[in-house]
C-alpha atoms as a PDB file:
ATOM      1  CA  MET A   1       4.439  16.337 -10.745  1.00  0.00           C
ATOM      2  CA  VAL A   2       2.051  14.560  -8.385  1.00  0.00           C
ATOM      3  CA  HIS A   3      -1.241  15.745  -6.967  1.00  0.00           C
ATOM      4  CA  PRO A   4      -2.849  14.701  -3.660  1.00  0.00           C
ATOM      5  CA  PHE A   5      -5.921  12.483  -3.811  1.00  0.00           C
ATOM      6  CA  CYS A   6      -6.638  11.323  -0.251  1.00  0.00           C
ATOM      7  CA  LYS A   7      -5.185  10.155   3.064  1.00  0.00           C
ATOM      8  CA  TYR A   8      -6.379   6.976   4.772  1.00  0.00           C
ATOM      9  CA  PRO A   9      -6.633   6.472   8.571  1.00  0.00           C
ATOM     10  CA  ASP A  10      -3.614   4.117   8.561  1.00  0.00           C
ATOM     11  CA  GLY A  11      -1.412   6.907   7.182  1.00  0.00           C
ATOM     12  CA  THR A  12      -1.523   5.784   3.544  1.00  0.00           C
ATOM     13  CA  GLU A  13      -1.461   8.761   1.205  1.00  0.00           C
ATOM     14  CA  ALA A  14      -2.698   8.487  -2.360  1.00  0.00           C
ATOM     15  CA  VAL A  15      -1.407  10.773  -5.103  1.00  0.00           C
ATOM     16  CA  PHE A  16      -1.687  10.793  -8.880  1.00  0.00           C
ATOM     17  CA  SER A  17       0.651  12.013 -11.601  1.00  0.00           C
ATOM     18  CA  ASN A  18       0.284  14.389 -14.477  1.00  0.00           C
ATOM     19  CA  ILE A  19      -0.501  12.736 -17.784  1.00  0.00           C
ATOM     20  CA  ARG A  20       2.587  11.267 -19.389  1.00  0.00           C
ATOM     21  CA  LYS A  21       3.146   9.179 -22.516  1.00  0.00           C
ATOM     22  CA  ASN A  22       4.580   5.684 -22.385  1.00  0.00           C
ATOM     23  CA  ASP A  23       6.969   4.177 -24.951  1.00  0.00           C
ATOM     24  CA  GLU A  24       4.049   3.425 -27.279  1.00  0.00           C
ATOM     25  CA  GLY A  25       2.789   7.020 -27.123  1.00  0.00           C
ATOM     26  CA  ILE A  26      -0.244   6.128 -24.977  1.00  0.00           C
ATOM     27  CA  GLU A  27      -1.290   8.668 -22.350  1.00  0.00           C
ATOM     28  CA  THR A  28      -0.892   7.268 -18.850  1.00  0.00           C
ATOM     29  CA  VAL A  29      -1.504   8.364 -15.279  1.00  0.00           C
ATOM     30  CA  TRP A  30       0.193   6.803 -12.266  1.00  0.00           C
ATOM     31  CA  ILE A  31      -1.673   6.438  -8.968  1.00  0.00           C
ATOM     32  CA  CYS A  32       0.595   5.869  -5.968  1.00  0.00           C
ATOM     33  CA  PHE A  33      -0.442   4.626  -2.524  1.00  0.00           C
ATOM     34  CA  GLU A  34       2.266   5.021   0.108  1.00  0.00           C
ATOM     35  CA  ARG A  35       2.346   4.482   3.861  1.00  0.00           C
ATOM     36  CA  PRO A  36       5.301   5.574   6.009  1.00  0.00           C
ATOM     37  CA  LYS A  37       6.878   2.946   8.218  1.00  0.00           C
ATOM     38  CA  VAL A  38       9.675   3.151  10.788  1.00  0.00           C
ATOM     39  CA  TYR A  39      12.228   2.146   8.139  1.00  0.00           C
ATOM     40  CA  GLY A  40      10.876   3.161   4.730  1.00  0.00           C
ATOM     41  CA  PHE A  41       7.466   2.924   3.118  1.00  0.00           C
ATOM     42  CA  ASP A  42       4.819   0.508   1.946  1.00  0.00           C
ATOM     43  CA  THR A  43       4.276   1.466  -1.694  1.00  0.00           C
ATOM     44  CA  ILE A  44       2.116   0.383  -4.606  1.00  0.00           C
ATOM     45  CA  ILE A  45       1.842   2.237  -7.911  1.00  0.00           C
ATOM     46  CA  PHE A  46      -0.798   1.541 -10.552  1.00  0.00           C
ATOM     47  CA  GLU A  47      -0.669   2.740 -14.147  1.00  0.00           C
ATOM     48  CA  LEU A  48      -3.761   3.778 -16.059  1.00  0.00           C
ATOM     49  CA  PRO A  49      -5.222   2.866 -18.499  1.00  0.00           C
ATOM     50  CA  SER A  50      -3.656  -0.628 -18.133  1.00  0.00           C
ATOM     51  CA  TYR A  51      -4.426  -0.949 -14.376  1.00  0.00           C
ATOM     52  CA  ASN A  52      -1.064  -2.728 -14.068  1.00  0.00           C
ATOM     53  CA  ILE A  53       0.958  -2.548 -10.874  1.00  0.00           C
ATOM     54  CA  ILE A  54       4.245  -0.983 -11.937  1.00  0.00           C
ATOM     55  CA  GLU A  55       5.889  -0.856  -8.515  1.00  0.00           C
ATOM     56  CA  LYS A  56       5.239  -2.737  -5.292  1.00  0.00           C
ATOM     57  CA  GLY A  57       7.266  -2.625  -2.108  1.00  0.00           C
ATOM     58  CA  GLY A  58       6.750  -3.040   1.602  1.00  0.00           C
ATOM     59  CA  ASN A  59       3.949  -4.863   3.350  1.00  0.00           C
ATOM     60  CA  TYR A  60       0.533  -3.981   1.955  1.00  0.00           C
ATOM     61  CA  THR A  61      -1.781  -6.972   2.325  1.00  0.00           C
ATOM     62  CA  GLU A  62      -3.567  -8.555  -0.622  1.00  0.00           C
ATOM     63  CA  GLU A  63      -6.829  -7.137   0.787  1.00  0.00           C
ATOM     64  CA  GLU A  64      -5.379  -3.614   0.858  1.00  0.00           C
ATOM     65  CA  ILE A  65      -4.050  -3.994  -2.683  1.00  0.00           C
ATOM     66  CA  ALA A  66      -7.460  -5.204  -3.879  1.00  0.00           C
ATOM     67  CA  MET A  67      -9.119  -2.176  -2.272  1.00  0.00           C
ATOM     68  CA  PHE A  68      -6.626   0.190  -3.914  1.00  0.00           C
ATOM     69  CA  LYS A  69      -7.210  -1.495  -7.282  1.00  0.00           C
ATOM     70  CA  THR A  70     -10.959  -0.921  -6.877  1.00  0.00           C
ATOM     71  CA  VAL A  71     -10.311   2.770  -6.145  1.00  0.00           C
ATOM     72  CA  VAL A  72      -8.155   3.015  -9.273  1.00  0.00           C
ATOM     73  CA  GLU A  73     -10.678   1.181 -11.473  1.00  0.00           C
ATOM     74  CA  ARG A  74     -13.668   3.188 -10.308  1.00  0.00           C
ATOM     75  CA  GLY A  75     -11.809   6.482 -10.425  1.00  0.00           C
ATOM     76  CA  ALA A  76      -9.988   6.041 -13.756  1.00  0.00           C
ATOM     77  CA  PRO A  77     -12.003   8.634 -15.734  1.00  0.00           C
ATOM     78  CA  SER A  78     -11.685  11.141 -12.882  1.00  0.00           C
ATOM     79  CA  PHE A  79      -7.933  10.576 -12.504  1.00  0.00           C
ATOM     80  CA  PHE A  80      -7.449  11.389 -16.192  1.00  0.00           C
ATOM     81  CA  GLU A  81      -9.695  14.458 -15.925  1.00  0.00           C
ATOM     82  CA  TRP A  82      -7.918  15.747 -12.808  1.00  0.00           C
ATOM     83  CA  ALA A  83      -4.482  15.043 -14.317  1.00  0.00           C
ATOM     84  CA  ARG A  84      -5.415  17.123 -17.367  1.00  0.00           C
ATOM     85  CA  LYS A  85      -6.509  19.977 -15.094  1.00  0.00           C
ATOM     86  CA  GLY A  86      -3.355  19.861 -12.960  1.00  0.00           C
ATOM     87  CA  GLY A  87      -5.047  18.491  -9.820  1.00  0.00           C
ATOM     88  CA  MET A  88      -8.424  18.223  -8.179  1.00  0.00           C
ATOM     89  CA  ASN A  89      -8.766  21.941  -7.376  1.00  0.00           C
ATOM     90  CA  ILE A  90     -11.008  21.379  -4.371  1.00  0.00           C
ATOM     91  CA  ALA A  91     -11.812  24.580  -2.532  1.00  0.00           C
END
């Protein structure tokens, strides 16, 4: 399951996953940034706690990717907390 995080002015939507375990048994959270295009999407998915990019497609610029990585790095503790709670639960 994924949970909404934010939507950027260019149409990029950011979502994060529930906590899952990787092959080594480490808890992970995926943060996905995706922007609709005429034919498909621009997509980049980061995995926490490694901060690795696990999927990249489309035409995000290096500057956009760097900004998304900063969001992921600064928000890592919150992403784990929200994933444990089943979303952000903003009223």
